[in-house]
N, C-alpha and C. Protein backbone atom coordinates (compact mmCIF):
# COMPACT_ATOMS: atom_id res chain seq x y z
N MET A 1 111.81 117.60 94.08
CA MET A 1 111.54 118.43 92.88
C MET A 1 111.07 119.84 92.82
N PRO A 2 111.49 120.81 92.13
CA PRO A 2 111.20 122.34 92.48
C PRO A 2 109.65 122.32 92.38
N ALA A 3 109.63 123.80 92.98
CA ALA A 3 108.01 124.36 92.74
C ALA A 3 107.78 124.15 91.60
N ALA A 4 106.31 123.41 91.60
CA ALA A 4 105.51 123.59 90.00
C ALA A 4 105.31 125.29 89.68
N PRO A 5 105.07 125.57 88.41
CA PRO A 5 104.82 127.10 87.94
C PRO A 5 103.21 126.91 88.52
N PRO A 6 102.78 128.42 88.75
CA PRO A 6 101.43 127.80 88.83
C PRO A 6 100.53 127.45 88.21
N ALA A 7 99.29 126.93 88.61
CA ALA A 7 98.64 126.45 87.86
C ALA A 7 97.16 126.98 88.21
N ALA A 8 96.75 127.22 87.36
CA ALA A 8 95.16 127.20 87.27
C ALA A 8 94.19 126.28 88.01
N ALA A 9 93.18 126.28 88.13
CA ALA A 9 92.32 125.39 88.72
C ALA A 9 92.04 124.32 87.88
N LEU A 10 91.51 123.48 87.69
CA LEU A 10 90.81 122.46 86.88
C LEU A 10 89.37 122.37 87.10
N THR A 11 88.65 122.91 86.17
CA THR A 11 87.29 122.98 86.20
C THR A 11 86.67 122.11 85.19
N ALA A 12 85.37 121.48 85.82
CA ALA A 12 84.44 120.46 84.78
C ALA A 12 83.32 121.51 84.81
N SER A 13 82.40 121.66 83.73
CA SER A 13 81.56 122.47 83.70
C SER A 13 80.62 121.62 82.77
N ASP A 14 79.28 121.32 83.67
CA ASP A 14 78.06 120.69 82.99
C ASP A 14 78.24 119.77 82.23
N LEU A 15 79.29 118.69 82.76
CA LEU A 15 79.98 117.50 81.92
C LEU A 15 78.64 116.48 81.86
N VAL A 16 78.43 115.73 80.69
CA VAL A 16 77.48 115.19 80.19
C VAL A 16 78.36 113.95 79.57
N VAL A 17 78.67 112.66 80.14
CA VAL A 17 79.86 111.51 79.53
C VAL A 17 78.95 110.08 79.45
N ARG A 18 79.17 109.78 78.42
CA ARG A 18 78.46 108.37 78.11
C ARG A 18 79.45 107.45 77.79
N ARG A 19 79.34 106.25 78.56
CA ARG A 19 80.51 105.12 78.38
C ARG A 19 79.60 103.79 78.02
N GLY A 20 80.05 102.96 77.13
CA GLY A 20 79.01 101.52 76.93
C GLY A 20 77.50 101.74 76.93
N GLY A 21 77.50 103.09 76.02
CA GLY A 21 75.83 102.74 75.93
C GLY A 21 75.21 103.95 77.05
N ARG A 22 75.63 103.89 78.08
CA ARG A 22 74.83 104.71 79.23
C ARG A 22 75.51 105.96 79.82
N THR A 23 74.87 107.02 80.44
CA THR A 23 75.16 108.22 80.50
C THR A 23 75.57 107.85 82.14
N VAL A 24 76.65 108.07 81.84
CA VAL A 24 77.71 107.92 83.30
C VAL A 24 77.75 109.35 84.32
N LEU A 25 78.20 110.02 83.70
CA LEU A 25 77.78 111.55 84.34
C LEU A 25 77.11 112.60 83.45
N ASP A 26 76.15 113.14 84.22
CA ASP A 26 74.99 114.18 83.61
C ASP A 26 75.00 115.18 84.21
N GLY A 27 75.63 116.46 83.45
CA GLY A 27 75.48 117.71 83.88
C GLY A 27 76.55 117.82 85.26
N LEU A 28 77.60 117.38 85.42
CA LEU A 28 78.67 117.37 86.49
C LEU A 28 79.56 118.75 86.52
N SER A 29 79.44 119.37 87.73
CA SER A 29 80.25 120.62 87.44
C SER A 29 80.91 120.76 88.65
N ALA A 30 82.38 121.12 88.82
CA ALA A 30 83.21 120.88 89.83
C ALA A 30 84.32 121.52 89.64
N THR A 31 84.84 121.88 90.71
CA THR A 31 86.33 122.80 90.43
C THR A 31 87.11 122.18 91.49
N PHE A 32 88.49 121.89 90.70
CA PHE A 32 89.90 121.26 91.43
C PHE A 32 90.58 121.97 91.48
N PRO A 33 90.72 122.92 92.67
CA PRO A 33 92.13 123.79 93.02
C PRO A 33 93.46 123.53 93.04
N ALA A 34 94.25 124.23 92.55
CA ALA A 34 95.74 124.12 92.81
C ALA A 34 96.09 123.88 93.94
N GLY A 35 97.02 123.17 94.53
CA GLY A 35 97.45 123.49 95.71
C GLY A 35 96.64 122.59 96.83
N ALA A 36 95.91 121.76 96.16
CA ALA A 36 95.02 120.70 97.24
C ALA A 36 94.68 119.70 96.61
N VAL A 37 94.83 118.90 97.63
CA VAL A 37 94.26 117.22 97.09
C VAL A 37 92.67 116.85 97.04
N THR A 38 92.47 116.68 96.23
CA THR A 38 90.95 116.48 96.09
C THR A 38 90.26 114.93 95.87
N ALA A 39 89.66 114.14 96.87
CA ALA A 39 89.33 112.90 96.68
C ALA A 39 88.29 112.53 96.10
N LEU A 40 87.82 111.85 95.24
CA LEU A 40 86.68 111.37 94.55
C LEU A 40 85.95 110.02 95.29
N THR A 41 85.13 110.52 95.82
CA THR A 41 84.32 109.23 96.42
C THR A 41 82.85 108.92 95.64
N GLY A 42 82.54 107.72 96.09
CA GLY A 42 81.33 107.29 95.76
C GLY A 42 81.20 105.74 95.35
N PRO A 43 80.02 105.16 95.22
CA PRO A 43 79.93 103.87 95.08
C PRO A 43 80.45 103.19 93.85
N ASN A 44 80.81 101.94 93.64
CA ASN A 44 81.00 101.57 92.36
C ASN A 44 80.10 101.86 91.26
N GLY A 45 80.71 102.07 90.05
CA GLY A 45 79.62 102.74 88.93
C GLY A 45 79.42 104.09 89.13
N SER A 46 79.50 105.09 90.32
CA SER A 46 79.12 106.46 90.20
C SER A 46 79.90 107.17 89.27
N GLY A 47 80.68 106.55 88.44
CA GLY A 47 81.47 107.51 87.61
C GLY A 47 83.02 108.13 87.91
N LYS A 48 83.28 107.72 89.29
CA LYS A 48 84.91 107.97 89.41
C LYS A 48 85.97 107.91 88.24
N SER A 49 85.78 106.68 87.73
CA SER A 49 86.78 106.58 87.04
C SER A 49 86.93 107.26 85.40
N THR A 50 85.40 107.53 85.02
CA THR A 50 85.07 108.48 84.17
C THR A 50 85.11 109.51 84.03
N LEU A 51 85.23 110.25 85.35
CA LEU A 51 85.61 111.71 85.59
C LEU A 51 86.86 112.10 85.31
N LEU A 52 87.57 110.98 86.06
CA LEU A 52 89.15 110.97 85.62
C LEU A 52 89.47 110.98 83.96
N ASP A 53 89.06 110.27 83.33
CA ASP A 53 88.94 109.74 81.93
C ASP A 53 88.88 111.48 81.53
N ALA A 54 87.59 111.89 81.72
CA ALA A 54 87.29 113.31 81.07
C ALA A 54 88.15 114.35 81.56
N LEU A 55 88.89 114.61 82.55
CA LEU A 55 89.38 115.48 82.86
C LEU A 55 91.25 115.41 82.48
N ALA A 56 91.32 113.78 82.41
CA ALA A 56 92.75 113.78 81.71
C ALA A 56 92.63 113.96 80.42
N GLY A 57 91.53 114.12 79.62
CA GLY A 57 91.36 114.22 78.00
C GLY A 57 91.24 113.44 77.57
N VAL A 58 91.07 112.05 78.20
CA VAL A 58 91.19 110.82 77.20
C VAL A 58 90.05 110.22 77.02
N LEU A 59 88.84 111.05 77.31
CA LEU A 59 87.77 110.55 77.43
C LEU A 59 86.73 112.33 76.89
N ASP A 60 86.10 112.22 75.96
CA ASP A 60 85.68 113.14 75.24
C ASP A 60 84.10 113.19 75.85
N PRO A 61 83.50 114.22 76.54
CA PRO A 61 82.23 114.48 76.85
C PRO A 61 81.24 114.89 75.97
N SER A 62 80.22 114.27 76.18
CA SER A 62 79.09 114.43 74.94
C SER A 62 78.51 116.03 75.34
N ALA A 63 78.58 116.39 76.30
CA ALA A 63 78.57 117.72 76.68
C ALA A 63 79.41 118.12 77.67
N GLY A 64 79.38 119.82 77.89
CA GLY A 64 80.32 120.43 78.56
C GLY A 64 81.27 120.52 78.46
N ARG A 65 82.36 120.92 79.18
CA ARG A 65 83.76 121.01 79.09
C ARG A 65 84.66 120.95 80.22
N VAL A 66 86.09 120.60 79.85
CA VAL A 66 86.94 120.75 80.85
C VAL A 66 88.11 121.78 81.06
N THR A 67 88.17 122.79 81.40
CA THR A 67 89.46 123.85 81.45
C THR A 67 90.02 123.80 82.31
N GLY A 68 91.10 124.16 82.02
CA GLY A 68 92.32 124.55 82.84
C GLY A 68 93.56 122.84 82.46
N LEU A 69 93.22 122.39 81.41
CA LEU A 69 94.10 121.39 81.25
C LEU A 69 95.57 122.04 80.81
N PRO A 70 96.98 121.70 81.34
CA PRO A 70 98.17 122.03 80.85
C PRO A 70 98.48 121.91 79.23
N ALA A 71 99.18 123.01 78.77
CA ALA A 71 99.52 122.50 77.32
C ALA A 71 100.30 121.59 77.53
N ASP A 72 101.00 120.87 78.51
CA ASP A 72 102.07 119.96 78.23
C ASP A 72 101.40 118.66 79.01
N GLY A 73 100.38 118.56 79.12
CA GLY A 73 99.66 117.76 79.36
C GLY A 73 99.53 116.89 81.14
N VAL A 74 98.88 116.16 81.21
CA VAL A 74 98.57 115.76 82.95
C VAL A 74 99.03 114.72 82.99
N ALA A 75 99.55 114.39 84.25
CA ALA A 75 100.06 112.89 84.65
C ALA A 75 98.78 112.00 84.99
N TYR A 76 98.59 111.23 84.63
CA TYR A 76 97.37 110.21 84.67
C TYR A 76 97.87 109.06 85.15
N VAL A 77 97.70 108.33 86.37
CA VAL A 77 97.92 107.13 86.95
C VAL A 77 96.57 106.14 87.04
N THR A 78 96.30 105.36 86.20
CA THR A 78 95.13 104.56 85.89
C THR A 78 95.54 103.26 87.17
N GLN A 79 94.55 102.42 87.25
CA GLN A 79 94.74 101.48 87.97
C GLN A 79 95.55 100.69 87.68
N ALA A 80 95.97 100.05 88.71
CA ALA A 80 96.99 99.23 88.69
C ALA A 80 97.00 98.22 87.06
N VAL A 81 98.24 98.15 86.07
CA VAL A 81 98.64 97.47 85.18
C VAL A 81 98.85 95.91 85.51
N PRO A 82 98.11 95.27 84.73
CA PRO A 82 98.80 94.03 84.83
C PRO A 82 100.24 93.59 84.77
N PRO A 83 101.19 92.73 85.34
CA PRO A 83 102.48 92.89 85.59
C PRO A 83 103.17 92.32 84.11
N THR A 84 102.16 91.63 83.18
CA THR A 84 102.53 91.14 82.08
C THR A 84 102.22 91.95 80.77
N VAL A 85 101.78 93.25 81.10
CA VAL A 85 101.72 94.53 80.04
C VAL A 85 103.03 95.23 80.19
N LEU A 86 103.85 95.28 80.92
CA LEU A 86 105.17 96.18 80.79
C LEU A 86 106.26 95.35 81.39
N PRO A 87 106.66 94.56 80.68
CA PRO A 87 107.55 93.68 80.56
C PRO A 87 109.21 94.40 80.96
N LEU A 88 108.97 95.48 81.99
CA LEU A 88 110.29 96.10 81.85
C LEU A 88 110.67 96.37 83.22
N THR A 89 111.94 96.84 83.69
CA THR A 89 112.61 97.32 84.99
C THR A 89 111.67 98.05 85.51
N VAL A 90 111.71 98.24 86.80
CA VAL A 90 111.49 99.53 87.98
C VAL A 90 111.96 100.74 87.24
N ARG A 91 113.16 100.69 87.08
CA ARG A 91 113.56 102.24 86.65
C ARG A 91 113.26 102.65 85.47
N ALA A 92 113.38 101.59 84.26
CA ALA A 92 112.65 101.86 82.87
C ALA A 92 111.58 102.22 83.03
N THR A 93 110.23 101.44 83.49
CA THR A 93 109.15 102.15 84.02
C THR A 93 109.09 103.03 84.49
N VAL A 94 109.89 103.79 85.44
CA VAL A 94 109.56 105.10 86.11
C VAL A 94 110.11 105.78 84.85
N ALA A 95 111.02 105.87 84.09
CA ALA A 95 111.71 106.63 83.21
C ALA A 95 110.95 107.16 82.09
N MET A 96 109.72 106.20 81.93
CA MET A 96 108.65 106.41 81.20
C MET A 96 108.23 107.80 81.27
N GLY A 97 107.98 108.01 82.61
CA GLY A 97 107.42 109.45 82.81
C GLY A 97 108.30 110.79 82.12
N ARG A 98 109.37 110.41 81.51
CA ARG A 98 110.18 111.64 81.13
C ARG A 98 109.99 111.71 79.67
N TRP A 99 109.20 110.97 78.88
CA TRP A 99 109.74 110.61 77.67
C TRP A 99 109.20 111.98 76.79
N ARG A 100 107.93 112.51 77.36
CA ARG A 100 107.43 113.83 76.26
C ARG A 100 108.28 114.69 77.26
N ARG A 101 109.02 115.02 77.71
CA ARG A 101 110.14 115.88 78.30
C ARG A 101 111.11 116.19 77.30
N ARG A 102 111.24 115.21 76.41
CA ARG A 102 112.49 115.54 75.76
C ARG A 102 112.15 114.94 74.06
N PRO A 103 112.61 115.46 73.01
CA PRO A 103 112.76 114.96 71.74
C PRO A 103 112.87 113.50 71.76
N TRP A 104 112.09 112.21 70.89
CA TRP A 104 112.27 110.96 70.65
C TRP A 104 113.73 110.37 71.05
N TRP A 105 114.56 111.39 70.00
CA TRP A 105 115.50 110.84 69.41
C TRP A 105 116.85 111.33 70.60
N ARG A 106 116.56 111.76 71.65
CA ARG A 106 117.79 112.31 72.75
C ARG A 106 117.64 111.52 73.46
N PRO A 107 118.76 110.68 74.37
CA PRO A 107 118.68 110.05 75.32
C PRO A 107 118.53 110.99 76.57
N PRO A 108 117.91 110.11 77.87
CA PRO A 108 118.02 110.28 79.23
C PRO A 108 119.11 111.62 79.22
N GLY A 109 118.59 112.76 79.78
CA GLY A 109 119.80 113.79 80.43
C GLY A 109 120.01 113.57 81.63
N ARG A 110 120.63 114.61 82.68
CA ARG A 110 121.28 114.37 83.99
C ARG A 110 119.89 114.66 84.54
N ASP A 111 119.08 115.69 84.29
CA ASP A 111 118.14 116.08 85.22
C ASP A 111 116.90 114.96 84.97
N ASP A 112 116.58 114.31 83.91
CA ASP A 112 115.84 112.78 83.83
C ASP A 112 116.45 112.05 84.66
N ARG A 113 117.58 111.56 84.57
CA ARG A 113 117.97 110.60 85.71
C ARG A 113 117.99 110.74 86.97
N ARG A 114 118.15 112.21 87.44
CA ARG A 114 118.10 112.93 88.72
C ARG A 114 116.85 112.62 89.07
N ILE A 115 115.77 113.12 88.61
CA ILE A 115 114.05 112.95 88.58
C ILE A 115 113.72 111.55 88.88
N VAL A 116 114.42 110.98 87.83
CA VAL A 116 113.75 109.31 88.21
C VAL A 116 114.41 108.68 89.64
N ASP A 117 115.89 108.93 89.54
CA ASP A 117 116.26 108.49 91.18
C ASP A 117 115.33 109.22 92.24
N ALA A 118 115.12 110.56 92.30
CA ALA A 118 114.67 110.94 93.43
C ALA A 118 112.59 110.34 93.34
N GLN A 119 112.17 110.01 92.27
CA GLN A 119 110.80 109.68 92.74
C GLN A 119 111.15 108.06 93.04
N LEU A 120 112.06 107.39 92.66
CA LEU A 120 111.94 105.88 93.22
C LEU A 120 112.66 106.01 94.64
N GLU A 121 113.26 106.90 95.22
CA GLU A 121 113.55 106.88 96.51
C GLU A 121 112.40 107.44 97.25
N ARG A 122 111.81 108.31 96.52
CA ARG A 122 110.08 108.99 97.20
C ARG A 122 109.39 107.78 97.75
N MET A 123 109.45 106.94 96.51
CA MET A 123 108.55 105.66 96.79
C MET A 123 108.91 104.70 97.35
N ALA A 124 110.01 104.42 97.81
CA ALA A 124 110.94 103.19 98.75
C ALA A 124 110.89 102.61 97.63
N ILE A 125 111.38 102.51 96.32
CA ILE A 125 111.60 101.25 95.58
C ILE A 125 112.97 101.63 94.86
N GLY A 126 113.98 102.51 95.59
CA GLY A 126 115.27 102.40 94.72
C GLY A 126 116.05 101.29 95.01
N GLY A 127 115.38 100.41 95.92
CA GLY A 127 116.54 98.76 95.94
C GLY A 127 116.06 97.92 94.87
N LEU A 128 114.70 98.26 94.21
CA LEU A 128 113.90 97.41 93.26
C LEU A 128 114.31 97.99 91.79
N ALA A 129 115.28 99.04 92.06
CA ALA A 129 115.32 99.65 90.44
C ALA A 129 115.47 98.74 89.38
N ASP A 130 116.68 97.66 89.46
CA ASP A 130 116.60 96.83 88.67
C ASP A 130 115.60 95.82 88.03
N ARG A 131 114.72 95.60 89.33
CA ARG A 131 114.03 94.47 89.36
C ARG A 131 112.80 94.35 88.16
N PRO A 132 112.62 93.24 87.61
CA PRO A 132 111.62 93.40 86.36
C PRO A 132 110.08 93.87 86.95
N LEU A 133 109.36 94.36 86.36
CA LEU A 133 108.14 95.07 87.08
C LEU A 133 107.27 93.93 87.32
N GLU A 134 107.32 92.86 86.56
CA GLU A 134 106.46 91.73 86.79
C GLU A 134 106.83 90.77 88.09
N GLY A 135 107.94 91.24 88.33
CA GLY A 135 108.09 90.31 89.74
C GLY A 135 107.86 90.97 90.96
N LEU A 136 106.94 92.14 91.06
CA LEU A 136 106.99 92.87 91.58
C LEU A 136 105.46 92.76 92.87
N SER A 137 105.20 92.99 94.31
CA SER A 137 104.15 92.83 94.89
C SER A 137 103.10 93.62 94.48
N GLY A 138 101.93 93.74 94.66
CA GLY A 138 100.93 94.70 94.01
C GLY A 138 101.32 96.00 94.65
N GLY A 139 101.73 96.19 96.07
CA GLY A 139 102.07 97.53 96.53
C GLY A 139 103.38 97.93 95.88
N GLN A 140 104.22 97.25 95.74
CA GLN A 140 105.50 97.86 95.01
C GLN A 140 105.06 98.50 93.59
N ARG A 141 104.37 97.32 92.93
CA ARG A 141 103.67 97.89 91.61
C ARG A 141 103.14 99.22 91.48
N GLN A 142 102.13 99.24 92.35
CA GLN A 142 101.40 100.48 92.47
C GLN A 142 102.33 101.67 92.80
N ARG A 143 103.40 101.68 93.64
CA ARG A 143 104.22 102.77 93.90
C ARG A 143 104.70 102.95 92.83
N THR A 144 105.49 101.92 91.95
CA THR A 144 106.09 102.20 90.95
C THR A 144 105.58 102.79 89.82
N LEU A 145 104.20 102.66 89.50
CA LEU A 145 102.97 103.32 88.62
C LEU A 145 103.01 104.98 89.04
N VAL A 146 102.76 105.05 90.65
CA VAL A 146 102.96 106.56 90.89
C VAL A 146 104.45 107.17 90.57
N ALA A 147 105.29 106.35 90.64
CA ALA A 147 106.32 107.53 90.53
C ALA A 147 106.59 107.35 89.28
N LEU A 148 106.22 106.59 88.02
CA LEU A 148 106.25 107.27 86.91
C LEU A 148 105.24 108.34 86.62
N GLY A 149 104.19 108.27 87.46
CA GLY A 149 103.20 109.58 87.00
C GLY A 149 103.75 111.03 87.68
N LEU A 150 104.48 110.62 88.89
CA LEU A 150 105.41 112.14 89.21
C LEU A 150 106.23 112.40 88.52
N ALA A 151 106.85 111.60 87.74
CA ALA A 151 108.33 111.79 87.26
C ALA A 151 108.17 112.73 86.09
N GLN A 152 106.80 113.02 85.73
CA GLN A 152 106.33 113.50 84.71
C GLN A 152 106.59 115.11 84.73
N GLY A 153 106.40 115.51 86.00
CA GLY A 153 106.70 116.84 86.76
C GLY A 153 105.25 117.66 85.94
N SER A 154 103.96 117.34 86.32
CA SER A 154 102.96 117.97 85.52
C SER A 154 102.28 118.75 86.32
N ARG A 155 101.61 119.56 85.84
CA ARG A 155 100.72 120.59 86.91
C ARG A 155 99.44 120.03 87.53
N VAL A 156 99.25 118.65 86.77
CA VAL A 156 97.98 118.15 87.28
C VAL A 156 97.92 116.93 87.42
N VAL A 157 98.10 116.08 88.63
CA VAL A 157 98.14 114.74 88.66
C VAL A 157 96.63 114.17 88.87
N LEU A 158 96.49 113.23 88.20
CA LEU A 158 95.45 112.40 88.34
C LEU A 158 95.70 111.00 88.75
N VAL A 159 94.92 110.34 89.64
CA VAL A 159 95.23 108.84 89.80
C VAL A 159 93.95 108.40 90.51
N ASP A 160 93.96 107.16 89.62
CA ASP A 160 92.78 106.38 89.94
C ASP A 160 92.93 105.38 90.91
N GLU A 161 92.12 105.41 92.19
CA GLU A 161 92.39 104.23 93.32
C GLU A 161 94.30 103.99 93.53
N PRO A 162 94.45 105.24 94.10
CA PRO A 162 95.85 104.83 94.28
C PRO A 162 96.27 103.98 95.47
N THR A 163 95.88 103.63 96.22
CA THR A 163 95.57 102.78 97.56
C THR A 163 94.88 101.52 97.56
N ALA A 164 94.23 101.01 96.54
CA ALA A 164 93.68 100.13 96.39
C ALA A 164 94.26 99.08 96.42
N GLY A 165 94.04 98.08 97.31
CA GLY A 165 94.72 96.31 97.38
C GLY A 165 96.15 96.66 97.88
N VAL A 166 96.67 97.37 98.24
CA VAL A 166 98.02 97.73 98.60
C VAL A 166 98.25 97.67 100.17
N ASP A 167 99.40 97.46 100.78
CA ASP A 167 99.53 97.40 101.82
C ASP A 167 99.56 98.67 102.66
N ARG A 168 99.57 98.37 103.98
CA ARG A 168 99.77 100.17 104.41
C ARG A 168 100.49 100.71 104.30
N ASP A 169 101.90 100.33 104.47
CA ASP A 169 103.38 101.11 104.21
C ASP A 169 103.08 102.00 102.68
N SER A 170 102.53 101.02 101.77
CA SER A 170 102.30 101.47 100.24
C SER A 170 101.69 102.90 100.04
N ALA A 171 100.38 102.64 101.02
CA ALA A 171 99.37 103.47 100.93
C ALA A 171 99.70 104.75 101.60
N ALA A 172 100.36 104.71 102.85
CA ALA A 172 101.08 105.93 103.56
C ALA A 172 101.89 106.68 102.60
N LEU A 173 102.81 105.75 101.81
CA LEU A 173 103.80 106.53 100.94
C LEU A 173 102.79 107.55 99.77
N VAL A 174 102.38 106.61 99.04
CA VAL A 174 101.31 107.46 98.30
C VAL A 174 100.52 108.56 98.51
N VAL A 175 100.16 108.56 99.62
CA VAL A 175 99.17 109.52 100.24
C VAL A 175 100.33 110.65 100.82
N ALA A 176 101.39 110.22 101.33
CA ALA A 176 102.32 111.39 101.48
C ALA A 176 102.59 112.00 100.25
N ALA A 177 102.94 111.15 99.21
CA ALA A 177 103.48 111.81 98.21
C ALA A 177 102.48 112.76 97.28
N LEU A 178 101.32 112.62 97.40
CA LEU A 178 99.92 113.23 96.78
C LEU A 178 100.13 114.58 97.41
N ALA A 179 100.25 114.29 98.73
CA ALA A 179 100.13 115.73 99.75
C ALA A 179 101.46 116.61 99.21
N ALA A 180 102.60 115.99 99.05
CA ALA A 180 103.73 116.89 98.87
C ALA A 180 103.59 117.45 97.39
N GLU A 181 102.70 116.75 96.37
CA GLU A 181 102.82 117.28 95.05
C GLU A 181 101.95 118.45 95.44
N ALA A 182 100.80 118.29 95.73
CA ALA A 182 99.98 119.79 96.60
C ALA A 182 100.70 120.74 97.01
N ALA A 183 101.46 120.34 98.07
CA ALA A 183 102.14 121.35 98.44
C ALA A 183 102.90 122.53 97.40
N ARG A 184 102.93 121.64 96.37
CA ARG A 184 104.12 122.15 95.45
C ARG A 184 103.15 123.09 94.45
N GLY A 185 101.97 123.07 94.83
CA GLY A 185 101.10 123.82 93.60
C GLY A 185 100.47 123.09 92.46
N VAL A 186 100.28 121.60 92.54
CA VAL A 186 99.91 121.05 91.90
C VAL A 186 98.17 120.76 92.21
N VAL A 187 97.60 120.69 91.13
CA VAL A 187 95.89 119.86 91.11
C VAL A 187 96.54 118.57 91.30
N VAL A 188 96.05 117.96 92.20
CA VAL A 188 95.78 116.60 92.54
C VAL A 188 94.38 115.90 93.03
N VAL A 189 94.02 115.12 92.03
CA VAL A 189 92.72 114.73 92.16
C VAL A 189 92.79 112.96 92.00
N HIS A 190 92.30 112.18 92.88
CA HIS A 190 92.28 110.91 92.81
C HIS A 190 91.05 110.19 93.48
N ALA A 191 90.59 109.31 92.65
CA ALA A 191 89.50 108.00 93.02
C ALA A 191 89.95 107.49 94.29
N ALA A 192 88.96 107.49 95.27
CA ALA A 192 89.47 106.91 96.51
C ALA A 192 88.41 105.91 97.20
N HIS A 193 88.40 104.70 97.47
CA HIS A 193 87.65 104.03 98.52
C HIS A 193 88.25 104.11 99.87
N ASP A 194 89.35 103.81 100.02
CA ASP A 194 89.98 103.71 101.44
C ASP A 194 89.95 105.19 102.20
N ALA A 195 89.45 104.85 103.60
CA ALA A 195 88.74 105.94 104.42
C ALA A 195 90.14 106.77 105.02
N ALA A 196 91.17 106.04 104.90
CA ALA A 196 92.53 106.93 105.51
C ALA A 196 92.96 107.89 104.63
N ALA A 197 92.85 107.40 102.73
CA ALA A 197 93.40 108.61 101.53
C ALA A 197 92.29 109.67 101.86
N ILE A 198 91.06 108.91 102.12
CA ILE A 198 90.10 110.36 101.72
C ILE A 198 90.08 111.16 103.01
N ALA A 199 90.32 110.90 104.08
CA ALA A 199 90.67 111.64 105.01
C ALA A 199 91.88 112.47 105.37
N ALA A 200 92.66 111.81 104.55
CA ALA A 200 94.13 112.65 104.35
C ALA A 200 93.75 114.03 103.52
N ALA A 201 93.09 113.53 102.57
CA ALA A 201 92.37 114.84 101.30
C ALA A 201 92.15 116.16 101.94
N ASP A 202 92.41 117.31 101.04
CA ASP A 202 91.93 118.41 101.34
C ASP A 202 90.68 118.71 100.97
N ARG A 203 90.24 117.96 99.85
CA ARG A 203 88.47 118.52 99.78
C ARG A 203 88.09 117.15 99.24
N VAL A 204 87.08 116.72 99.33
CA VAL A 204 86.09 115.73 98.99
C VAL A 204 84.82 116.05 98.05
N VAL A 205 84.89 115.38 96.93
CA VAL A 205 83.65 115.51 95.73
C VAL A 205 83.19 114.17 95.93
N THR A 206 81.71 113.80 96.10
CA THR A 206 80.96 112.47 95.99
C THR A 206 80.13 112.52 94.97
N LEU A 207 80.59 111.64 94.10
CA LEU A 207 79.78 111.34 93.18
C LEU A 207 78.50 110.11 93.59
N ALA A 208 77.01 110.32 93.25
CA ALA A 208 76.25 109.40 93.51
C ALA A 208 75.52 108.50 92.43
């Protein structure tokens, strides 16, 4: 994909976020620069997924704010979707990433198909393009969901636990793809427990 337009850093300022009746994030401030991969670390329950939800704009903070969100939205890859939720082929799933780039009534164009094909190859799932998502292994499904997110071409990419429960080859492909997005000038933030994924990041933000 071509170089992304210059993106300002994504910034969280004095965030207070409540979920399930409790305060999960309390006064959190952090900056996530463009052109770098930032790994969010910390124990289970420390608020990594909640922070990603707030950064993505899908969870409103009780106080504080997030600035730097692109007008055309972020690419947000949540934790692996159960296979029965999306009874689609791999190609159709990745093509969903292009939906907001065109009017609903316009069929996919040449550029859309080219980008989808490129992400399928990038994630080494081109040979699985016509397979149903529900028939994939955990690693293959995770690579498909990451390809879906990257197909959006957003200036901000957020991924929740991209290497959790996947094989070593799948994890390496995902980590390399995120690094390549950062090299294009994209803001990349992912939550991680995997030591290799954390070591590969440019920055680490640890939640307590």
